[in-house]
């Protein structure tokens, strides 16, 4: 008996080892990637009733239906190799009550067995992590032990059935298991008038819970074509990034040169405004803005304060035109038109706050239709004419 139980355990371990080797191939079963050996294990516990039928069909020469009813408890461990195929080691124990018209032979009973399990729902409908109900078929063999502790009857038995699984949460399932066990009649209690060559059946219905531990779900696998496409896209991005790094130095030099030119123009304008030499203001002034902004910068306000003093000192009939611009590389034409108008209006309002006669000011926006400076960023400006 001990040797037989050891053999069952060795079969389960061997099936697990084979699955672990196969998992190295990775892509299997409808685009689902196999997990490691220690993932997708289940521990189940349940209990219910059984019915023992013997004497061929299980009705002739037996007692009433209720006389053949017994109870059983089940403990099982299942390993899934992929979403469809798994193996289970289960131990069933309880009481069976084979009966004749005159007597019920109540017997302690145990049935350790190994099953192959097929997830029919995943096989037919494809793997879905959010599926609530799973139908699982199983079939296996083991040893039936009857009249434990007395004159134990021991023999091989075969089993098969259906497991109805209802997903309660990520880790917990509710199971309704319907099982049939086929065992030679000679392995029933010795007092049962069994006939040689005939088989008894034990039918059971049990309800139980299953806890799934370690990695419980399955990851989608990618085909080699998809992997090659991703690698090609990454290579193209890396090549583009390398080109951008090579051009970064040149762009930095150009930006630095443009900033120096802009700072010099502002400085010259401020010095010109401070001198206040002519009574009539002539020429143009440039008031710059940040990207996508019509807010006046502090340095722009400083320039405008000086400009306002010259405007107030200018002849009353002199009119100044404020022309707003936007850079052509940022935004749509419609958006840039509105932005340029906001910039011109902001300068207009600030000059009036500084005391400039509004009758001497007019403003408009021209959007990005006129690139008046060679460097695009410096066209974020209002020109005072």
Protein backbone atom coordinates (compact mmCIF):
# COMPACT_ATOMS: atom_id res chain seq x y z
CA UNK A 1 0.00 0.00 0.00
CA UNK A 2 2.75 2.48 0.91
CA UNK A 3 4.53 1.66 -2.33
CA UNK A 4 1.36 2.42 -4.28
CA UNK A 5 0.83 5.82 -2.62
CA UNK A 6 4.48 6.64 -3.25
CA UNK A 7 4.00 5.76 -6.91
CA UNK A 8 1.07 8.19 -7.16
CA UNK A 9 3.16 10.99 -5.66
CA UNK A 10 6.03 10.24 -8.06
CA UNK A 11 3.66 10.48 -11.04
CA UNK A 12 2.48 13.92 -9.92
CA UNK A 13 6.06 15.14 -9.41
CA UNK A 14 7.09 13.81 -12.83
CA UNK A 15 4.23 15.61 -14.56
CA UNK A 16 5.27 18.85 -12.84
CA UNK A 17 8.89 18.42 -13.95
CA UNK A 18 7.83 17.84 -17.55
CA UNK A 19 5.71 21.02 -17.42
CA UNK A 20 8.65 22.99 -16.03
CA UNK A 21 10.85 21.90 -18.92
CA UNK A 22 8.15 22.75 -21.45
CA UNK A 23 7.69 26.22 -19.95
CA UNK A 24 11.14 27.17 -21.25
CA UNK A 25 9.65 27.15 -24.76
CA UNK A 26 7.49 30.07 -23.60
CA UNK A 27 4.94 30.53 -26.40
CA UNK A 28 2.16 27.94 -26.29
CA UNK A 29 -1.61 27.51 -26.19
CA UNK A 30 -3.30 30.23 -28.27
CA UNK A 31 -0.81 33.03 -27.65
CA UNK A 32 -0.51 32.59 -23.87
CA UNK A 33 2.90 32.45 -22.20
CA UNK A 34 3.56 29.59 -19.80
CA UNK A 35 4.45 30.52 -16.21
CA UNK A 36 7.16 29.03 -14.01
CA UNK A 37 6.79 25.78 -12.10
CA UNK A 38 5.84 27.41 -8.79
CA UNK A 39 3.04 29.50 -10.32
CA UNK A 40 -0.61 28.56 -10.88
CA UNK A 41 -1.01 26.13 -7.98
CA UNK A 42 -4.38 25.52 -6.28
CA UNK A 43 -5.35 24.06 -2.91
CA UNK A 44 -8.93 22.74 -2.68
CA UNK A 45 -11.06 21.54 0.23
CA UNK A 46 -14.63 20.27 -0.03
CA UNK A 47 -17.24 17.84 1.13
CA UNK A 48 -20.53 16.27 0.14
CA UNK A 49 -22.47 13.05 -0.38
CA UNK A 50 -21.87 9.83 -2.30
CA UNK A 51 -23.97 6.95 -3.58
CA UNK A 52 -22.60 3.42 -3.92
CA UNK A 53 -24.02 1.24 -6.69
CA UNK A 54 -23.03 -2.38 -7.25
CA UNK A 55 -24.32 -5.58 -8.84
CA UNK A 56 -23.90 -4.46 -12.48
CA UNK A 57 -26.22 -1.46 -12.95
CA UNK A 58 -26.36 -0.72 -9.26
CA UNK A 59 -30.05 -1.31 -8.60
CA UNK A 60 -30.82 -5.03 -8.68
CA UNK A 61 -30.43 -6.70 -5.30
CA UNK A 62 -29.69 -3.42 -3.50
CA UNK A 63 -31.53 -1.64 -0.78
CA UNK A 64 -33.45 1.62 -1.08
CA UNK A 65 -31.72 4.66 -2.57
CA UNK A 66 -31.19 6.31 0.82
CA UNK A 67 -29.59 3.14 2.18
CA UNK A 68 -26.67 3.56 -0.24
CA UNK A 69 -25.93 7.18 0.61
CA UNK A 70 -22.72 8.12 2.42
CA UNK A 71 -20.57 11.17 2.97
CA UNK A 72 -17.06 12.21 1.96
CA UNK A 73 -14.47 14.99 2.33
CA UNK A 74 -11.86 15.94 -0.27
CA UNK A 75 -8.44 17.59 -0.19
CA UNK A 76 -6.62 18.28 -3.45
CA UNK A 77 -3.61 20.08 -4.91
CA UNK A 78 -3.69 21.14 -8.57
CA UNK A 79 -0.91 22.46 -10.80
CA UNK A 80 -1.83 24.19 -14.08
CA UNK A 81 0.81 23.99 -16.81
CA UNK A 82 -1.06 26.47 -19.00
CA UNK A 83 -4.64 27.87 -19.03
CA UNK A 84 -6.00 24.60 -20.44
CA UNK A 85 -4.11 21.60 -19.01
CA UNK A 86 -3.27 20.71 -15.41
CA UNK A 87 -2.80 17.77 -13.06
CA UNK A 88 -4.32 17.12 -9.64
CA UNK A 89 -3.45 14.98 -6.63
CA UNK A 90 -6.60 14.45 -4.55
CA UNK A 91 -7.39 12.41 -1.44
CA UNK A 92 -11.04 11.48 -0.82
CA UNK A 93 -12.14 10.06 2.52
CA UNK A 94 -15.41 9.28 4.29
CA UNK A 95 -18.02 6.54 4.43
CA UNK A 96 -19.65 4.47 1.70
CA UNK A 97 -22.81 2.42 2.37
CA UNK A 98 -23.26 -0.39 -0.14
CA UNK A 99 -26.46 -2.27 0.76
CA UNK A 100 -28.53 -5.31 -0.05
CA UNK A 101 -32.22 -5.77 0.45
CA UNK A 102 -31.48 -6.90 4.00
CA UNK A 103 -28.32 -5.17 5.16
CA UNK A 104 -26.33 -1.89 4.78
CA UNK A 105 -22.54 -2.36 4.94
CA UNK A 106 -21.34 0.97 6.36
CA UNK A 107 -17.60 1.21 5.65
CA UNK A 108 -14.78 3.67 6.21
CA UNK A 109 -13.31 4.52 2.84
CA UNK A 110 -10.35 6.40 1.30
CA UNK A 111 -9.49 7.06 -2.34
CA UNK A 112 -6.15 8.80 -3.16
CA UNK A 113 -5.81 9.40 -6.89
CA UNK A 114 -4.06 11.44 -9.62
CA UNK A 115 -6.08 13.22 -12.35
CA UNK A 116 -5.44 15.00 -15.58
CA UNK A 117 -7.57 18.18 -15.72
CA UNK A 118 -8.82 19.98 -18.84
CA UNK A 119 -10.22 23.54 -18.58
CA UNK A 120 -12.95 23.23 -21.20
CA UNK A 121 -13.93 26.92 -21.01
CA UNK A 122 -10.41 28.16 -21.80
CA UNK A 123 -9.98 25.52 -24.49
CA UNK A 124 -13.13 26.44 -26.39
CA UNK A 125 -13.53 30.13 -25.57
CA UNK A 126 -9.91 31.19 -25.14
CA UNK A 127 -8.27 32.40 -21.95
CA UNK A 128 -10.01 35.29 -20.17
CA UNK A 129 -8.87 36.55 -16.79
CA UNK A 130 -12.30 38.03 -16.02
CA UNK A 131 -14.28 34.83 -16.72
CA UNK A 132 -16.62 34.03 -13.81
CA UNK A 133 -17.49 30.40 -14.62
CA UNK A 134 -15.17 27.59 -15.74
CA UNK A 135 -16.14 24.06 -16.74
CA UNK A 136 -13.30 21.59 -16.08
CA UNK A 137 -13.20 17.93 -17.06
CA UNK A 138 -10.97 15.46 -15.22
CA UNK A 139 -10.03 11.81 -15.42
CA UNK A 140 -7.57 9.74 -13.41
CA UNK A 141 -6.81 6.63 -11.40
CA UNK A 142 -5.90 5.69 -7.84
CA UNK A 143 -6.47 3.10 -5.18
CA UNK A 144 -9.70 2.44 -3.25
CA UNK A 145 -9.29 1.50 0.42
CA UNK A 146 -12.42 0.05 2.06
CA UNK A 147 -13.00 -1.00 5.70
CA UNK A 148 -10.02 0.97 6.98
CA UNK A 149 -8.57 -0.43 10.16
CA UNK A 150 -10.34 -3.78 9.84
CA UNK A 151 -10.01 -6.20 6.97
CA UNK A 152 -9.07 -3.50 4.43
CA UNK A 153 -10.07 -4.18 0.83
CA UNK A 154 -7.60 -2.54 -1.56
CA UNK A 155 -7.75 -2.22 -5.33
CA UNK A 156 -7.30 0.07 -8.31
CA UNK A 157 -10.11 2.46 -9.20
CA UNK A 158 -10.74 4.88 -12.03
CA UNK A 159 -12.47 8.23 -11.80
CA UNK A 160 -13.76 11.02 -13.99
CA UNK A 161 -16.16 13.92 -13.82
CA UNK A 162 -16.88 17.63 -14.08
CA UNK A 163 -15.74 20.53 -11.89
CA UNK A 164 -17.98 23.61 -12.03
CA UNK A 165 -15.83 26.53 -10.88
CA UNK A 166 -17.23 29.93 -9.93
CA UNK A 167 -14.68 32.74 -9.50
CA UNK A 168 -15.28 34.64 -6.23
CA UNK A 169 -12.18 36.85 -6.39
CA UNK A 170 -8.64 36.73 -7.78
CA UNK A 171 -7.53 34.13 -5.24
CA UNK A 172 -10.68 32.21 -4.29
CA UNK A 173 -13.05 29.91 -6.23
CA UNK A 174 -16.24 28.05 -5.33
CA UNK A 175 -16.41 24.50 -6.78
CA UNK A 176 -19.26 22.08 -7.41
CA UNK A 177 -17.62 18.75 -8.32
CA UNK A 178 -19.52 15.84 -9.82
CA UNK A 179 -17.50 12.62 -9.76
CA UNK A 180 -17.92 8.96 -10.75
CA UNK A 181 -15.56 6.22 -9.50
CA UNK A 182 -15.38 2.76 -11.06
CA UNK A 183 -13.95 -0.02 -8.85
CA UNK A 184 -14.15 -3.85 -9.00
CA UNK A 185 -16.93 -5.26 -6.83
CA UNK A 186 -14.42 -7.58 -5.17
CA UNK A 187 -12.91 -4.46 -3.52
CA UNK A 188 -16.15 -3.65 -1.67
CA UNK A 189 -16.57 -4.86 1.92
CA UNK A 190 -16.02 -8.60 2.12
CA UNK A 191 -19.60 -9.19 3.30
CA UNK A 192 -21.12 -7.71 0.14
CA UNK A 193 -22.19 -10.55 -2.19
CA UNK A 194 -20.09 -9.25 -5.09
CA UNK A 195 -19.55 -11.15 -8.32
CA UNK A 196 -16.21 -11.64 -9.98
CA UNK A 197 -15.62 -9.51 -13.08
CA UNK A 198 -18.24 -6.88 -12.22
CA UNK A 199 -17.67 -3.29 -11.22
CA UNK A 200 -19.18 -1.08 -8.56
CA UNK A 201 -19.72 2.64 -8.98
CA UNK A 202 -19.42 5.42 -6.45
CA UNK A 203 -21.13 8.66 -7.50
CA UNK A 204 -20.52 11.86 -5.52
CA UNK A 205 -21.42 15.53 -5.46
CA UNK A 206 -19.27 17.86 -3.35
CA UNK A 207 -19.08 21.58 -2.71
CA UNK A 208 -15.80 23.25 -1.78
CA UNK A 209 -13.41 26.19 -1.95
CA UNK A 210 -10.16 26.57 -3.89
CA UNK A 211 -7.34 28.96 -3.01
CA UNK A 212 -5.05 29.88 -5.91
CA UNK A 213 -1.58 31.09 -4.90
CA UNK A 214 1.61 32.58 -6.34
CA UNK A 215 1.10 33.91 -9.89
CA UNK A 216 -2.56 33.26 -10.69
CA UNK A 217 -3.08 34.74 -14.16
CA UNK A 218 -1.45 34.15 -17.56
CA UNK A 219 0.34 36.71 -19.74
CA UNK A 220 -0.30 37.27 -23.43
CA UNK A 221 2.56 36.09 -25.60
CA UNK A 222 3.91 38.00 -28.60
CA UNK A 223 4.71 36.41 -31.93
CA UNK A 224 8.21 36.58 -33.37
CA UNK A 225 6.94 38.99 -36.06
CA UNK A 226 5.64 41.37 -33.37
CA UNK A 227 8.92 41.17 -31.44
CA UNK A 228 10.95 41.88 -34.61
CA UNK A 229 8.71 44.87 -35.37
CA UNK A 230 9.18 46.30 -31.86
CA UNK A 231 12.96 45.84 -32.08
CA UNK A 232 13.06 47.58 -35.47
CA UNK A 233 11.04 50.52 -34.11
CA UNK A 234 13.36 50.81 -31.09
CA UNK A 235 16.42 50.75 -33.38
CA UNK A 236 14.95 53.55 -35.50
CA UNK A 237 14.24 55.65 -32.39
CA UNK A 238 17.77 55.12 -31.12
CA UNK A 239 19.20 56.18 -34.48
CA UNK A 240 17.04 59.32 -34.44
CA UNK A 241 18.13 60.09 -30.89
CA UNK A 242 21.78 59.75 -31.87
CA UNK A 243 21.28 62.22 -34.73
CA UNK A 244 19.57 64.63 -32.34
CA UNK A 245 22.55 64.44 -29.95
CA UNK A 246 24.94 65.17 -32.80
CA UNK A 247 22.97 68.26 -33.80
CA UNK A 248 22.47 69.42 -30.22
CA UNK A 249 25.82 71.24 -30.06
CA UNK A 250 25.15 73.23 -33.23
CA UNK A 251 21.66 74.18 -32.09
CA UNK A 252 22.97 75.34 -28.72
CA UNK A 253 25.53 77.59 -30.45
CA UNK A 254 22.86 79.12 -32.68
CA UNK A 255 20.54 79.76 -29.73
CA UNK A 256 23.34 81.37 -27.74
CA UNK A 257 24.20 83.66 -30.66
CA UNK A 258 20.56 84.66 -31.10
CA UNK A 259 20.20 85.38 -27.38
CA UNK A 260 23.27 87.58 -27.45
CA UNK A 261 21.91 89.50 -30.45
CA UNK A 262 18.53 89.95 -28.74
CA UNK A 263 20.13 91.14 -25.48
CA UNK A 264 22.24 93.65 -27.42
CA UNK A 265 19.20 94.99 -29.28
CA UNK A 266 17.34 95.46 -25.99
CA UNK A 267 20.29 97.20 -24.43
CA UNK A 268 20.68 99.55 -27.40
CA UNK A 269 16.95 100.32 -27.29
CA UNK A 270 17.03 101.10 -23.59
CA UNK A 271 20.05 103.39 -24.02
CA UNK A 272 18.32 105.15 -26.89
CA UNK A 273 15.16 105.69 -24.87
CA UNK A 274 17.15 106.96 -21.91
CA UNK A 275 18.88 109.61 -24.00
CA UNK A 276 15.57 111.29 -24.95
CA UNK A 277 17.38 113.33 -27.57
CA UNK A 278 14.66 113.78 -30.21
CA UNK A 279 11.32 115.27 -29.34
CA UNK A 280 9.69 113.19 -32.06
CA UNK A 281 10.04 109.47 -31.54
CA UNK A 282 11.24 107.70 -34.70
CA UNK A 283 12.22 104.18 -35.67
CA UNK A 284 10.82 100.96 -34.24
CA UNK A 285 10.95 99.22 -30.89
CA UNK A 286 10.77 95.45 -30.25
CA UNK A 287 9.03 94.09 -27.16
CA UNK A 288 9.56 90.31 -26.75
CA UNK A 289 7.36 87.61 -25.18
CA UNK A 290 7.78 84.02 -24.02
CA UNK A 291 6.49 81.00 -25.98
CA UNK A 292 2.68 80.80 -26.14
CA UNK A 293 2.31 83.81 -23.82
CA UNK A 294 0.93 87.32 -23.96
CA UNK A 295 2.13 88.20 -20.45
CA UNK A 296 4.49 91.18 -20.24
CA UNK A 297 7.95 90.30 -18.95
CA UNK A 298 9.55 92.47 -16.27
CA UNK A 299 12.33 93.55 -18.61
CA UNK A 300 9.71 94.40 -21.26
CA UNK A 301 7.83 96.55 -18.76
CA UNK A 302 11.06 98.42 -17.96
CA UNK A 303 11.59 99.19 -21.64
CA UNK A 304 7.95 100.24 -22.05
CA UNK A 305 8.18 102.67 -19.11
CA UNK A 306 11.00 104.48 -20.87
CA UNK A 307 9.14 104.26 -24.19
CA UNK A 308 6.02 105.75 -22.55
CA UNK A 309 7.98 108.80 -21.36
CA UNK A 310 9.18 109.49 -24.92
CA UNK A 311 5.64 108.97 -26.30
CA UNK A 312 4.21 111.47 -23.81
CA UNK A 313 6.90 113.96 -24.87
CA UNK A 314 6.16 113.43 -28.58
CA UNK A 315 3.93 115.80 -30.57
CA UNK A 316 0.20 115.31 -29.93
CA UNK A 317 -0.44 114.45 -33.58
CA UNK A 318 2.06 111.60 -33.65
CA UNK A 319 0.37 108.16 -33.68
CA UNK A 320 2.18 104.96 -32.70
CA UNK A 321 1.21 101.57 -34.17
CA UNK A 322 1.61 98.42 -32.07
CA UNK A 323 1.96 95.32 -34.31
CA UNK A 324 1.76 91.89 -32.61
CA UNK A 325 3.55 88.85 -34.07
CA UNK A 326 3.78 85.08 -33.38
CA UNK A 327 6.39 82.54 -34.53
CA UNK A 328 5.38 80.39 -37.48
CA UNK A 329 6.62 77.08 -36.06
CA UNK A 330 4.25 77.05 -33.05
CA UNK A 331 0.47 76.75 -33.30
CA UNK A 332 -2.02 77.06 -36.13
CA UNK A 333 -2.49 80.21 -38.17
CA UNK A 334 -5.81 80.91 -36.42
CA UNK A 335 -4.29 80.44 -32.97
CA UNK A 336 -1.25 82.60 -33.78
CA UNK A 337 -3.50 85.38 -35.07
CA UNK A 338 -5.35 85.55 -31.74
CA UNK A 339 -2.10 85.31 -29.77
CA UNK A 340 -0.52 88.21 -31.72
CA UNK A 341 -3.60 90.36 -31.06
CA UNK A 342 -3.44 89.59 -27.33
CA UNK A 343 0.23 90.64 -27.26
CA UNK A 344 -0.45 93.93 -29.06
CA UNK A 345 -3.44 94.65 -26.78
CA UNK A 346 -1.33 93.91 -23.67
CA UNK A 347 1.27 96.51 -24.76
CA UNK A 348 -1.53 98.98 -25.60
CA UNK A 349 -3.13 98.62 -22.15
CA UNK A 350 0.18 98.97 -20.31
CA UNK A 351 1.20 102.13 -22.19
CA UNK A 352 -2.15 103.72 -21.33
CA UNK A 353 -1.55 102.79 -17.66
CA UNK A 354 1.74 104.67 -17.94
CA UNK A 355 -0.09 107.86 -19.05
CA UNK A 356 0.18 107.67 -22.86
CA UNK A 357 -2.76 109.30 -24.67
CA UNK A 358 -4.89 106.48 -26.15
CA UNK A 359 -5.61 108.68 -29.19
CA UNK A 360 -1.91 108.37 -30.06
CA UNK A 361 -2.03 104.53 -30.02
CA UNK A 362 -3.41 101.95 -32.42
CA UNK A 363 -2.83 98.20 -32.35
CA UNK A 364 -3.26 95.11 -34.47
CA UNK A 365 -2.05 91.49 -34.77
CA UNK A 366 -0.63 89.87 -37.88
CA UNK A 367 -0.24 86.33 -36.47
CA UNK A 368 2.64 84.35 -37.94
CA UNK A 369 2.20 85.73 -41.45
CA UNK A 370 5.31 87.90 -41.18
CA UNK A 371 8.62 86.49 -39.99
CA UNK A 372 10.49 89.72 -39.41
CA UNK A 373 13.50 88.12 -37.69
CA UNK A 374 15.72 85.30 -39.09
CA UNK A 375 15.53 83.28 -35.88
CA UNK A 376 12.03 81.96 -35.41
CA UNK A 377 11.86 82.36 -31.61
CA UNK A 378 12.41 86.16 -31.80
CA UNK A 379 9.17 86.62 -33.76
CA UNK A 380 7.27 86.34 -30.46
CA UNK A 381 7.25 90.15 -30.37
CA UNK A 382 5.31 93.40 -30.58
CA UNK A 383 6.86 96.02 -32.84
CA UNK A 384 6.20 99.67 -31.94
CA UNK A 385 6.25 101.89 -35.06
